[in-house]
ModelCIF file with pLDDT and N, C-alpha, C, O atoms, coordinates in Angstrom:
data_MODEL
#
_entry.id   MODEL 
#
_entity.id                         1 
_entity.type                       polymer 
_entity.pdbx_number_of_molecules   1 
#
_entity_poly.entity_id                      1 
_entity_poly.type                           'polypeptide(L)' 
_entity_poly.nstd_linkage                   no 
_entity_poly.nstd_monomer                   no 
_entity_poly.pdbx_seq_one_letter_code       
;(UNK)(UNK)(UNK)(UNK)(UNK)(UNK)(UNK)(UNK)(UNK)(UNK)(UNK)(UNK)(UNK)(UNK)(UNK)(UNK)
(UNK)(UNK)(UNK)(UNK)(UNK)(UNK)(UNK)(UNK)(UNK)(UNK)(UNK)(UNK)(UNK)(UNK)(UNK)(UNK)
(UNK)(UNK)(UNK)(UNK)(UNK)(UNK)(UNK)(UNK)(UNK)(UNK)(UNK)(UNK)(UNK)(UNK)(UNK)(UNK)
;
_entity_poly.pdbx_seq_one_letter_code_can   XXXXXXXXXXXXXXXXXXXXXXXXXXXXXXXXXXXXXXXXXXXXXXXX 
_entity_poly.pdbx_strand_id                 A 
#
loop_
_entity_poly_seq.entity_id 
_entity_poly_seq.num 
_entity_poly_seq.mon_id 
_entity_poly_seq.hetero 
1 1  UNK n 
1 2  UNK n 
1 3  UNK n 
1 4  UNK n 
1 5  UNK n 
1 6  UNK n 
1 7  UNK n 
1 8  UNK n 
1 9  UNK n 
1 10 UNK n 
1 11 UNK n 
1 12 UNK n 
1 13 UNK n 
1 14 UNK n 
1 15 UNK n 
1 16 UNK n 
1 17 UNK n 
1 18 UNK n 
1 19 UNK n 
1 20 UNK n 
1 21 UNK n 
1 22 UNK n 
1 23 UNK n 
1 24 UNK n 
1 25 UNK n 
1 26 UNK n 
1 27 UNK n 
1 28 UNK n 
1 29 UNK n 
1 30 UNK n 
1 31 UNK n 
1 32 UNK n 
1 33 UNK n 
1 34 UNK n 
1 35 UNK n 
1 36 UNK n 
1 37 UNK n 
1 38 UNK n 
1 39 UNK n 
1 40 UNK n 
1 41 UNK n 
1 42 UNK n 
1 43 UNK n 
1 44 UNK n 
1 45 UNK n 
1 46 UNK n 
1 47 UNK n 
1 48 UNK n 
#
_struct_asym.id          A 
_struct_asym.entity_id   1 
#
loop_
_ma_qa_metric.id 
_ma_qa_metric.mode 
_ma_qa_metric.name 
_ma_qa_metric.software_group_id 
_ma_qa_metric.type 
1 global pLDDT . pLDDT 
2 local  pLDDT . pLDDT 
#
_ma_qa_metric_global.metric_id      1 
_ma_qa_metric_global.metric_value   83.10 
_ma_qa_metric_global.model_id       1 
_ma_qa_metric_global.ordinal_id     1 
#
loop_
_ma_qa_metric_local.label_asym_id 
_ma_qa_metric_local.label_comp_id 
_ma_qa_metric_local.label_seq_id 
_ma_qa_metric_local.metric_id 
_ma_qa_metric_local.metric_value 
_ma_qa_metric_local.model_id 
_ma_qa_metric_local.ordinal_id 
A UNK 1  2 55.00 1 1  
A UNK 2  2 61.00 1 2  
A UNK 3  2 62.00 1 3  
A UNK 4  2 65.00 1 4  
A UNK 5  2 62.00 1 5  
A UNK 6  2 63.00 1 6  
A UNK 7  2 64.00 1 7  
A UNK 8  2 65.00 1 8  
A UNK 9  2 64.00 1 9  
A UNK 10 2 79.00 1 10 
A UNK 11 2 78.00 1 11 
A UNK 12 2 79.00 1 12 
A UNK 13 2 81.00 1 13 
A UNK 14 2 83.00 1 14 
A UNK 15 2 82.00 1 15 
A UNK 16 2 83.00 1 16 
A UNK 17 2 82.00 1 17 
A UNK 18 2 84.00 1 18 
A UNK 19 2 83.00 1 19 
A UNK 20 2 83.00 1 20 
A UNK 21 2 86.00 1 21 
A UNK 22 2 87.00 1 22 
A UNK 23 2 86.00 1 23 
A UNK 24 2 87.00 1 24 
A UNK 25 2 89.00 1 25 
A UNK 26 2 90.00 1 26 
A UNK 27 2 89.00 1 27 
A UNK 28 2 91.00 1 28 
A UNK 29 2 90.00 1 29 
A UNK 30 2 90.00 1 30 
A UNK 31 2 91.00 1 31 
A UNK 32 2 92.00 1 32 
A UNK 33 2 91.00 1 33 
A UNK 34 2 91.00 1 34 
A UNK 35 2 93.00 1 35 
A UNK 36 2 91.00 1 36 
A UNK 37 2 93.00 1 37 
A UNK 38 2 93.00 1 38 
A UNK 39 2 92.00 1 39 
A UNK 40 2 93.00 1 40 
A UNK 41 2 93.00 1 41 
A UNK 42 2 91.00 1 42 
A UNK 43 2 92.00 1 43 
A UNK 44 2 92.00 1 44 
A UNK 45 2 89.00 1 45 
A UNK 46 2 89.00 1 46 
A UNK 47 2 90.00 1 47 
A UNK 48 2 90.00 1 48 
#
loop_
_atom_site.group_PDB 
_atom_site.id 
_atom_site.type_symbol 
_atom_site.label_atom_id 
_atom_site.label_alt_id 
_atom_site.label_comp_id 
_atom_site.label_asym_id 
_atom_site.label_entity_id 
_atom_site.label_seq_id 
_atom_site.pdbx_PDB_ins_code 
_atom_site.Cartn_x 
_atom_site.Cartn_y 
_atom_site.Cartn_z 
_atom_site.occupancy 
_atom_site.B_iso_or_equiv 
_atom_site.pdbx_formal_charge 
_atom_site.auth_seq_id 
_atom_site.auth_comp_id 
_atom_site.auth_asym_id 
_atom_site.auth_atom_id 
_atom_site.pdbx_PDB_model_num 
ATOM 1   N N  . UNK A 1 1  ? 0.794  -1.115 -0.076  1.00 55.00 ? 1  UNK A N  1 
ATOM 2   C CA . UNK A 1 1  ? -0.329 -0.083 0.165   1.00 55.00 ? 1  UNK A CA 1 
ATOM 3   C C  . UNK A 1 1  ? 0.496  0.902  0.185   1.00 55.00 ? 1  UNK A C  1 
ATOM 4   O O  . UNK A 1 1  ? -0.066 1.812  -0.425  1.00 55.00 ? 1  UNK A O  1 
ATOM 5   N N  . UNK A 1 2  ? 1.890  1.371  0.668   1.00 61.00 ? 2  UNK A N  1 
ATOM 6   C CA . UNK A 1 2  ? 2.435  2.333  0.305   1.00 61.00 ? 2  UNK A CA 1 
ATOM 7   C C  . UNK A 1 2  ? 3.435  3.055  -0.336  1.00 61.00 ? 2  UNK A C  1 
ATOM 8   O O  . UNK A 1 2  ? 3.968  4.153  -0.176  1.00 61.00 ? 2  UNK A O  1 
ATOM 9   N N  . UNK A 1 3  ? 3.599  1.515  -1.610  1.00 62.00 ? 3  UNK A N  1 
ATOM 10  C CA . UNK A 1 3  ? 4.493  1.622  -2.405  1.00 62.00 ? 3  UNK A CA 1 
ATOM 11  C C  . UNK A 1 3  ? 3.257  2.299  -3.684  1.00 62.00 ? 3  UNK A C  1 
ATOM 12  O O  . UNK A 1 3  ? 3.457  2.799  -4.791  1.00 62.00 ? 3  UNK A O  1 
ATOM 13  N N  . UNK A 1 4  ? 2.431  2.125  -3.186  1.00 65.00 ? 4  UNK A N  1 
ATOM 14  C CA . UNK A 1 4  ? 1.155  2.349  -4.149  1.00 65.00 ? 4  UNK A CA 1 
ATOM 15  C C  . UNK A 1 4  ? 1.029  3.744  -4.217  1.00 65.00 ? 4  UNK A C  1 
ATOM 16  O O  . UNK A 1 4  ? 0.919  4.398  -5.254  1.00 65.00 ? 4  UNK A O  1 
ATOM 17  N N  . UNK A 1 5  ? 1.052  4.241  -2.883  1.00 62.00 ? 5  UNK A N  1 
ATOM 18  C CA . UNK A 1 5  ? 0.400  5.121  -2.588  1.00 62.00 ? 5  UNK A CA 1 
ATOM 19  C C  . UNK A 1 5  ? 2.031  6.408  -2.870  1.00 62.00 ? 5  UNK A C  1 
ATOM 20  O O  . UNK A 1 5  ? 1.807  7.612  -2.742  1.00 62.00 ? 5  UNK A O  1 
ATOM 21  N N  . UNK A 1 6  ? 3.245  6.013  -3.166  1.00 63.00 ? 6  UNK A N  1 
ATOM 22  C CA . UNK A 1 6  ? 4.063  6.513  -3.134  1.00 63.00 ? 6  UNK A CA 1 
ATOM 23  C C  . UNK A 1 6  ? 3.782  7.136  -4.974  1.00 63.00 ? 6  UNK A C  1 
ATOM 24  O O  . UNK A 1 6  ? 3.584  8.223  -5.516  1.00 63.00 ? 6  UNK A O  1 
ATOM 25  N N  . UNK A 1 7  ? 3.902  5.879  -5.346  1.00 64.00 ? 7  UNK A N  1 
ATOM 26  C CA . UNK A 1 7  ? 3.569  5.815  -6.932  1.00 64.00 ? 7  UNK A CA 1 
ATOM 27  C C  . UNK A 1 7  ? 2.637  6.545  -7.375  1.00 64.00 ? 7  UNK A C  1 
ATOM 28  O O  . UNK A 1 7  ? 2.699  6.669  -8.598  1.00 64.00 ? 7  UNK A O  1 
ATOM 29  N N  . UNK A 1 8  ? 1.893  7.020  -6.947  1.00 65.00 ? 8  UNK A N  1 
ATOM 30  C CA . UNK A 1 8  ? 0.293  7.640  -7.261  1.00 65.00 ? 8  UNK A CA 1 
ATOM 31  C C  . UNK A 1 8  ? 0.810  9.128  -6.944  1.00 65.00 ? 8  UNK A C  1 
ATOM 32  O O  . UNK A 1 8  ? 0.364  10.125 -7.512  1.00 65.00 ? 8  UNK A O  1 
ATOM 33  N N  . UNK A 1 9  ? 2.080  9.146  -5.695  1.00 64.00 ? 9  UNK A N  1 
ATOM 34  C CA . UNK A 1 9  ? 1.624  10.418 -6.095  1.00 64.00 ? 9  UNK A CA 1 
ATOM 35  C C  . UNK A 1 9  ? 2.757  11.300 -6.572  1.00 64.00 ? 9  UNK A C  1 
ATOM 36  O O  . UNK A 1 9  ? 2.616  12.509 -6.753  1.00 64.00 ? 9  UNK A O  1 
ATOM 37  N N  . UNK A 1 10 ? 3.881  10.644 -6.765  1.00 79.00 ? 10 UNK A N  1 
ATOM 38  C CA . UNK A 1 10 ? 5.257  10.628 -7.886  1.00 79.00 ? 10 UNK A CA 1 
ATOM 39  C C  . UNK A 1 10 ? 4.045  10.917 -9.248  1.00 79.00 ? 10 UNK A C  1 
ATOM 40  O O  . UNK A 1 10 ? 3.831  12.128 -9.304  1.00 79.00 ? 10 UNK A O  1 
ATOM 41  N N  . UNK A 1 11 ? 3.416  10.320 -10.074 1.00 78.00 ? 11 UNK A N  1 
ATOM 42  C CA . UNK A 1 11 ? 2.835  10.308 -11.074 1.00 78.00 ? 11 UNK A CA 1 
ATOM 43  C C  . UNK A 1 11 ? 1.791  11.768 -11.148 1.00 78.00 ? 11 UNK A C  1 
ATOM 44  O O  . UNK A 1 11 ? 1.408  12.126 -12.262 1.00 78.00 ? 11 UNK A O  1 
ATOM 45  N N  . UNK A 1 12 ? 1.316  12.667 -9.745  1.00 79.00 ? 12 UNK A N  1 
ATOM 46  C CA . UNK A 1 12 ? 0.628  13.237 -9.224  1.00 79.00 ? 12 UNK A CA 1 
ATOM 47  C C  . UNK A 1 12 ? 1.426  14.386 -9.647  1.00 79.00 ? 12 UNK A C  1 
ATOM 48  O O  . UNK A 1 12 ? 0.952  15.208 -10.432 1.00 79.00 ? 12 UNK A O  1 
ATOM 49  N N  . UNK A 1 13 ? 2.951  14.523 -9.039  1.00 81.00 ? 13 UNK A N  1 
ATOM 50  C CA . UNK A 1 13 ? 3.972  15.288 -9.391  1.00 81.00 ? 13 UNK A CA 1 
ATOM 51  C C  . UNK A 1 13 ? 4.657  15.468 -10.683 1.00 81.00 ? 13 UNK A C  1 
ATOM 52  O O  . UNK A 1 13 ? 5.500  16.316 -10.978 1.00 81.00 ? 13 UNK A O  1 
ATOM 53  N N  . UNK A 1 14 ? 4.436  15.057 -10.999 1.00 83.00 ? 14 UNK A N  1 
ATOM 54  C CA . UNK A 1 14 ? 5.250  14.372 -13.140 1.00 83.00 ? 14 UNK A CA 1 
ATOM 55  C C  . UNK A 1 14 ? 3.904  15.310 -13.789 1.00 83.00 ? 14 UNK A C  1 
ATOM 56  O O  . UNK A 1 14 ? 4.037  16.157 -14.672 1.00 83.00 ? 14 UNK A O  1 
ATOM 57  N N  . UNK A 1 15 ? 2.631  14.947 -13.142 1.00 82.00 ? 15 UNK A N  1 
ATOM 58  C CA . UNK A 1 15 ? 1.636  15.879 -14.387 1.00 82.00 ? 15 UNK A CA 1 
ATOM 59  C C  . UNK A 1 15 ? 1.411  17.222 -14.124 1.00 82.00 ? 15 UNK A C  1 
ATOM 60  O O  . UNK A 1 15 ? 0.995  18.018 -14.965 1.00 82.00 ? 15 UNK A O  1 
ATOM 61  N N  . UNK A 1 16 ? 1.781  17.590 -12.531 1.00 83.00 ? 16 UNK A N  1 
ATOM 62  C CA . UNK A 1 16 ? 2.045  19.159 -12.082 1.00 83.00 ? 16 UNK A CA 1 
ATOM 63  C C  . UNK A 1 16 ? 3.124  19.489 -12.854 1.00 83.00 ? 16 UNK A C  1 
ATOM 64  O O  . UNK A 1 16 ? 3.061  20.459 -13.609 1.00 83.00 ? 16 UNK A O  1 
ATOM 65  N N  . UNK A 1 17 ? 4.103  18.817 -12.767 1.00 82.00 ? 17 UNK A N  1 
ATOM 66  C CA . UNK A 1 17 ? 5.349  19.666 -13.527 1.00 82.00 ? 17 UNK A CA 1 
ATOM 67  C C  . UNK A 1 17 ? 5.090  19.544 -14.728 1.00 82.00 ? 17 UNK A C  1 
ATOM 68  O O  . UNK A 1 17 ? 5.709  20.358 -15.413 1.00 82.00 ? 17 UNK A O  1 
ATOM 69  N N  . UNK A 1 18 ? 4.211  18.641 -15.479 1.00 84.00 ? 18 UNK A N  1 
ATOM 70  C CA . UNK A 1 18 ? 4.068  18.912 -16.969 1.00 84.00 ? 18 UNK A CA 1 
ATOM 71  C C  . UNK A 1 18 ? 3.404  19.864 -17.549 1.00 84.00 ? 18 UNK A C  1 
ATOM 72  O O  . UNK A 1 18 ? 3.545  20.484 -18.603 1.00 84.00 ? 18 UNK A O  1 
ATOM 73  N N  . UNK A 1 19 ? 2.357  19.889 -16.352 1.00 83.00 ? 19 UNK A N  1 
ATOM 74  C CA . UNK A 1 19 ? 1.261  20.557 -16.638 1.00 83.00 ? 19 UNK A CA 1 
ATOM 75  C C  . UNK A 1 19 ? 1.520  22.619 -16.610 1.00 83.00 ? 19 UNK A C  1 
ATOM 76  O O  . UNK A 1 19 ? 1.162  23.535 -17.351 1.00 83.00 ? 19 UNK A O  1 
ATOM 77  N N  . UNK A 1 20 ? 2.310  22.522 -15.333 1.00 83.00 ? 20 UNK A N  1 
ATOM 78  C CA . UNK A 1 20 ? 3.154  23.791 -15.317 1.00 83.00 ? 20 UNK A CA 1 
ATOM 79  C C  . UNK A 1 20 ? 4.113  24.443 -16.299 1.00 83.00 ? 20 UNK A C  1 
ATOM 80  O O  . UNK A 1 20 ? 4.318  25.655 -16.366 1.00 83.00 ? 20 UNK A O  1 
ATOM 81  N N  . UNK A 1 21 ? 4.863  23.200 -17.301 1.00 86.00 ? 21 UNK A N  1 
ATOM 82  C CA . UNK A 1 21 ? 5.861  23.734 -18.548 1.00 86.00 ? 21 UNK A CA 1 
ATOM 83  C C  . UNK A 1 21 ? 4.691  23.977 -19.115 1.00 86.00 ? 21 UNK A C  1 
ATOM 84  O O  . UNK A 1 21 ? 4.507  25.195 -19.098 1.00 86.00 ? 21 UNK A O  1 
ATOM 85  N N  . UNK A 1 22 ? 3.655  23.317 -19.694 1.00 87.00 ? 22 UNK A N  1 
ATOM 86  C CA . UNK A 1 22 ? 3.196  23.636 -20.755 1.00 87.00 ? 22 UNK A CA 1 
ATOM 87  C C  . UNK A 1 22 ? 2.943  25.174 -20.325 1.00 87.00 ? 22 UNK A C  1 
ATOM 88  O O  . UNK A 1 22 ? 3.639  26.103 -20.737 1.00 87.00 ? 22 UNK A O  1 
ATOM 89  N N  . UNK A 1 23 ? 1.943  25.302 -19.515 1.00 86.00 ? 23 UNK A N  1 
ATOM 90  C CA . UNK A 1 23 ? 1.386  26.261 -19.270 1.00 86.00 ? 23 UNK A CA 1 
ATOM 91  C C  . UNK A 1 23 ? 2.287  27.605 -19.396 1.00 86.00 ? 23 UNK A C  1 
ATOM 92  O O  . UNK A 1 23 ? 1.908  28.740 -19.685 1.00 86.00 ? 23 UNK A O  1 
ATOM 93  N N  . UNK A 1 24 ? 3.506  27.170 -19.112 1.00 87.00 ? 24 UNK A N  1 
ATOM 94  C CA . UNK A 1 24 ? 4.806  28.443 -19.267 1.00 87.00 ? 24 UNK A CA 1 
ATOM 95  C C  . UNK A 1 24 ? 4.923  28.587 -20.742 1.00 87.00 ? 24 UNK A C  1 
ATOM 96  O O  . UNK A 1 24 ? 5.284  29.693 -21.144 1.00 87.00 ? 24 UNK A O  1 
ATOM 97  N N  . UNK A 1 25 ? 4.689  27.699 -21.578 1.00 89.00 ? 25 UNK A N  1 
ATOM 98  C CA . UNK A 1 25 ? 5.524  27.521 -22.910 1.00 89.00 ? 25 UNK A CA 1 
ATOM 99  C C  . UNK A 1 25 ? 4.351  28.370 -23.592 1.00 89.00 ? 25 UNK A C  1 
ATOM 100 O O  . UNK A 1 25 ? 4.547  29.313 -24.359 1.00 89.00 ? 25 UNK A O  1 
ATOM 101 N N  . UNK A 1 26 ? 3.090  27.883 -23.189 1.00 90.00 ? 26 UNK A N  1 
ATOM 102 C CA . UNK A 1 26 ? 1.761  28.586 -23.630 1.00 90.00 ? 26 UNK A CA 1 
ATOM 103 C C  . UNK A 1 26 ? 1.822  30.419 -23.394 1.00 90.00 ? 26 UNK A C  1 
ATOM 104 O O  . UNK A 1 26 ? 1.801  31.258 -24.294 1.00 90.00 ? 26 UNK A O  1 
ATOM 105 N N  . UNK A 1 27 ? 1.886  30.619 -22.198 1.00 89.00 ? 27 UNK A N  1 
ATOM 106 C CA . UNK A 1 27 ? 2.194  31.971 -21.812 1.00 89.00 ? 27 UNK A CA 1 
ATOM 107 C C  . UNK A 1 27 ? 2.687  32.663 -22.749 1.00 89.00 ? 27 UNK A C  1 
ATOM 108 O O  . UNK A 1 27 ? 2.144  33.624 -23.295 1.00 89.00 ? 27 UNK A O  1 
ATOM 109 N N  . UNK A 1 28 ? 4.091  32.057 -23.058 1.00 91.00 ? 28 UNK A N  1 
ATOM 110 C CA . UNK A 1 28 ? 5.122  32.761 -23.447 1.00 91.00 ? 28 UNK A CA 1 
ATOM 111 C C  . UNK A 1 28 ? 4.737  32.984 -25.361 1.00 91.00 ? 28 UNK A C  1 
ATOM 112 O O  . UNK A 1 28 ? 4.932  34.020 -25.998 1.00 91.00 ? 28 UNK A O  1 
ATOM 113 N N  . UNK A 1 29 ? 4.175  31.691 -25.894 1.00 90.00 ? 29 UNK A N  1 
ATOM 114 C CA . UNK A 1 29 ? 3.748  31.960 -27.158 1.00 90.00 ? 29 UNK A CA 1 
ATOM 115 C C  . UNK A 1 29 ? 2.662  32.742 -27.025 1.00 90.00 ? 29 UNK A C  1 
ATOM 116 O O  . UNK A 1 29 ? 2.526  33.386 -28.065 1.00 90.00 ? 29 UNK A O  1 
ATOM 117 N N  . UNK A 1 30 ? 1.689  33.032 -26.111 1.00 90.00 ? 30 UNK A N  1 
ATOM 118 C CA . UNK A 1 30 ? 0.830  33.852 -26.345 1.00 90.00 ? 30 UNK A CA 1 
ATOM 119 C C  . UNK A 1 30 ? 1.380  35.343 -26.274 1.00 90.00 ? 30 UNK A C  1 
ATOM 120 O O  . UNK A 1 30 ? 0.993  36.119 -27.148 1.00 90.00 ? 30 UNK A O  1 
ATOM 121 N N  . UNK A 1 31 ? 2.376  35.861 -25.160 1.00 91.00 ? 31 UNK A N  1 
ATOM 122 C CA . UNK A 1 31 ? 3.000  36.805 -24.985 1.00 91.00 ? 31 UNK A CA 1 
ATOM 123 C C  . UNK A 1 31 ? 3.752  37.397 -26.452 1.00 91.00 ? 31 UNK A C  1 
ATOM 124 O O  . UNK A 1 31 ? 3.646  38.615 -26.596 1.00 91.00 ? 31 UNK A O  1 
ATOM 125 N N  . UNK A 1 32 ? 4.509  36.636 -27.563 1.00 92.00 ? 32 UNK A N  1 
ATOM 126 C CA . UNK A 1 32 ? 5.301  36.411 -28.610 1.00 92.00 ? 32 UNK A CA 1 
ATOM 127 C C  . UNK A 1 32 ? 4.446  36.873 -29.643 1.00 92.00 ? 32 UNK A C  1 
ATOM 128 O O  . UNK A 1 32 ? 4.748  37.653 -30.546 1.00 92.00 ? 32 UNK A O  1 
ATOM 129 N N  . UNK A 1 33 ? 2.773  36.036 -29.322 1.00 91.00 ? 33 UNK A N  1 
ATOM 130 C CA . UNK A 1 33 ? 1.839  36.833 -30.180 1.00 91.00 ? 33 UNK A CA 1 
ATOM 131 C C  . UNK A 1 33 ? 1.806  37.714 -30.621 1.00 91.00 ? 33 UNK A C  1 
ATOM 132 O O  . UNK A 1 33 ? 1.957  38.158 -31.759 1.00 91.00 ? 33 UNK A O  1 
ATOM 133 N N  . UNK A 1 34 ? 1.472  38.256 -29.186 1.00 91.00 ? 34 UNK A N  1 
ATOM 134 C CA . UNK A 1 34 ? 0.643  39.897 -29.068 1.00 91.00 ? 34 UNK A CA 1 
ATOM 135 C C  . UNK A 1 34 ? 1.527  40.686 -29.110 1.00 91.00 ? 34 UNK A C  1 
ATOM 136 O O  . UNK A 1 34 ? 1.134  41.846 -28.992 1.00 91.00 ? 34 UNK A O  1 
ATOM 137 N N  . UNK A 1 35 ? 3.234  40.483 -29.307 1.00 93.00 ? 35 UNK A N  1 
ATOM 138 C CA . UNK A 1 35 ? 4.285  41.516 -29.824 1.00 93.00 ? 35 UNK A CA 1 
ATOM 139 C C  . UNK A 1 35 ? 4.332  41.364 -31.272 1.00 93.00 ? 35 UNK A C  1 
ATOM 140 O O  . UNK A 1 35 ? 4.317  42.256 -32.120 1.00 93.00 ? 35 UNK A O  1 
ATOM 141 N N  . UNK A 1 36 ? 4.388  40.154 -31.425 1.00 91.00 ? 36 UNK A N  1 
ATOM 142 C CA . UNK A 1 36 ? 4.124  40.424 -32.721 1.00 91.00 ? 36 UNK A CA 1 
ATOM 143 C C  . UNK A 1 36 ? 3.135  41.179 -33.292 1.00 91.00 ? 36 UNK A C  1 
ATOM 144 O O  . UNK A 1 36 ? 3.504  42.125 -33.987 1.00 91.00 ? 36 UNK A O  1 
ATOM 145 N N  . UNK A 1 37 ? 2.034  40.991 -33.167 1.00 93.00 ? 37 UNK A N  1 
ATOM 146 C CA . UNK A 1 37 ? 0.633  41.489 -33.933 1.00 93.00 ? 37 UNK A CA 1 
ATOM 147 C C  . UNK A 1 37 ? 0.720  43.089 -33.565 1.00 93.00 ? 37 UNK A C  1 
ATOM 148 O O  . UNK A 1 37 ? 0.097  43.771 -34.378 1.00 93.00 ? 37 UNK A O  1 
ATOM 149 N N  . UNK A 1 38 ? 1.295  43.761 -32.618 1.00 93.00 ? 38 UNK A N  1 
ATOM 150 C CA . UNK A 1 38 ? 1.638  45.230 -32.275 1.00 93.00 ? 38 UNK A CA 1 
ATOM 151 C C  . UNK A 1 38 ? 2.475  45.681 -33.010 1.00 93.00 ? 38 UNK A C  1 
ATOM 152 O O  . UNK A 1 38 ? 2.292  46.762 -33.569 1.00 93.00 ? 38 UNK A O  1 
ATOM 153 N N  . UNK A 1 39 ? 4.157  44.593 -33.269 1.00 92.00 ? 39 UNK A N  1 
ATOM 154 C CA . UNK A 1 39 ? 4.808  45.323 -34.369 1.00 92.00 ? 39 UNK A CA 1 
ATOM 155 C C  . UNK A 1 39 ? 4.200  45.559 -35.666 1.00 92.00 ? 39 UNK A C  1 
ATOM 156 O O  . UNK A 1 39 ? 4.077  46.552 -36.382 1.00 92.00 ? 39 UNK A O  1 
ATOM 157 N N  . UNK A 1 40 ? 3.834  44.247 -35.753 1.00 93.00 ? 40 UNK A N  1 
ATOM 158 C CA . UNK A 1 40 ? 2.674  44.171 -37.345 1.00 93.00 ? 40 UNK A CA 1 
ATOM 159 C C  . UNK A 1 40 ? 2.176  45.938 -37.593 1.00 93.00 ? 40 UNK A C  1 
ATOM 160 O O  . UNK A 1 40 ? 2.359  46.881 -38.363 1.00 93.00 ? 40 UNK A O  1 
ATOM 161 N N  . UNK A 1 41 ? 1.521  45.604 -36.476 1.00 93.00 ? 41 UNK A N  1 
ATOM 162 C CA . UNK A 1 41 ? 0.363  46.805 -36.583 1.00 93.00 ? 41 UNK A CA 1 
ATOM 163 C C  . UNK A 1 41 ? 1.234  47.974 -36.482 1.00 93.00 ? 41 UNK A C  1 
ATOM 164 O O  . UNK A 1 41 ? 1.045  48.508 -37.575 1.00 93.00 ? 41 UNK A O  1 
ATOM 165 N N  . UNK A 1 42 ? 2.083  48.714 -35.840 1.00 91.00 ? 42 UNK A N  1 
ATOM 166 C CA . UNK A 1 42 ? 3.183  49.207 -35.908 1.00 91.00 ? 42 UNK A CA 1 
ATOM 167 C C  . UNK A 1 42 ? 3.729  49.747 -37.215 1.00 91.00 ? 42 UNK A C  1 
ATOM 168 O O  . UNK A 1 42 ? 3.643  50.926 -37.560 1.00 91.00 ? 42 UNK A O  1 
ATOM 169 N N  . UNK A 1 43 ? 4.273  48.821 -37.874 1.00 92.00 ? 43 UNK A N  1 
ATOM 170 C CA . UNK A 1 43 ? 5.002  48.175 -39.227 1.00 92.00 ? 43 UNK A CA 1 
ATOM 171 C C  . UNK A 1 43 ? 3.608  49.074 -40.008 1.00 92.00 ? 43 UNK A C  1 
ATOM 172 O O  . UNK A 1 43 ? 3.738  50.255 -40.333 1.00 92.00 ? 43 UNK A O  1 
ATOM 173 N N  . UNK A 1 44 ? 2.344  48.321 -40.222 1.00 92.00 ? 44 UNK A N  1 
ATOM 174 C CA . UNK A 1 44 ? 1.280  49.181 -41.438 1.00 92.00 ? 44 UNK A CA 1 
ATOM 175 C C  . UNK A 1 44 ? 1.331  50.745 -41.230 1.00 92.00 ? 44 UNK A C  1 
ATOM 176 O O  . UNK A 1 44 ? 1.776  51.547 -42.051 1.00 92.00 ? 44 UNK A O  1 
ATOM 177 N N  . UNK A 1 45 ? 0.845  51.015 -40.099 1.00 89.00 ? 45 UNK A N  1 
ATOM 178 C CA . UNK A 1 45 ? 1.273  52.379 -40.115 1.00 89.00 ? 45 UNK A CA 1 
ATOM 179 C C  . UNK A 1 45 ? 2.267  53.293 -40.281 1.00 89.00 ? 45 UNK A C  1 
ATOM 180 O O  . UNK A 1 45 ? 2.170  54.493 -40.536 1.00 89.00 ? 45 UNK A O  1 
ATOM 181 N N  . UNK A 1 46 ? 3.332  52.549 -40.094 1.00 89.00 ? 46 UNK A N  1 
ATOM 182 C CA . UNK A 1 46 ? 4.532  53.305 -40.573 1.00 89.00 ? 46 UNK A CA 1 
ATOM 183 C C  . UNK A 1 46 ? 4.321  53.691 -41.981 1.00 89.00 ? 46 UNK A C  1 
ATOM 184 O O  . UNK A 1 46 ? 4.035  54.806 -42.416 1.00 89.00 ? 46 UNK A O  1 
ATOM 185 N N  . UNK A 1 47 ? 4.557  52.292 -42.795 1.00 90.00 ? 47 UNK A N  1 
ATOM 186 C CA . UNK A 1 47 ? 4.580  52.151 -43.792 1.00 90.00 ? 47 UNK A CA 1 
ATOM 187 C C  . UNK A 1 47 ? 3.081  52.907 -44.750 1.00 90.00 ? 47 UNK A C  1 
ATOM 188 O O  . UNK A 1 47 ? 3.035  53.617 -45.755 1.00 90.00 ? 47 UNK A O  1 
ATOM 189 N N  . UNK A 1 48 ? 2.451  52.565 -44.217 1.00 90.00 ? 48 UNK A N  1 
ATOM 190 C CA . UNK A 1 48 ? 1.361  53.943 -44.961 1.00 90.00 ? 48 UNK A CA 1 
ATOM 191 C C  . UNK A 1 48 ? 1.690  55.334 -44.503 1.00 90.00 ? 48 UNK A C  1 
ATOM 192 O O  . UNK A 1 48 ? 1.043  56.292 -44.926 1.00 90.00 ? 48 UNK A O  1 
#
């Protein structure tokens, strides 16, 4: 029972770490996309 509980806890921690990792990547991608949109909008305005 102790080994099974430890295995379940380890799997939960692994899933939580993967979730945090993917969340961080997602936030970085969203920020980069927002910066790209702003930069593209400025470039369009400047070109015009």
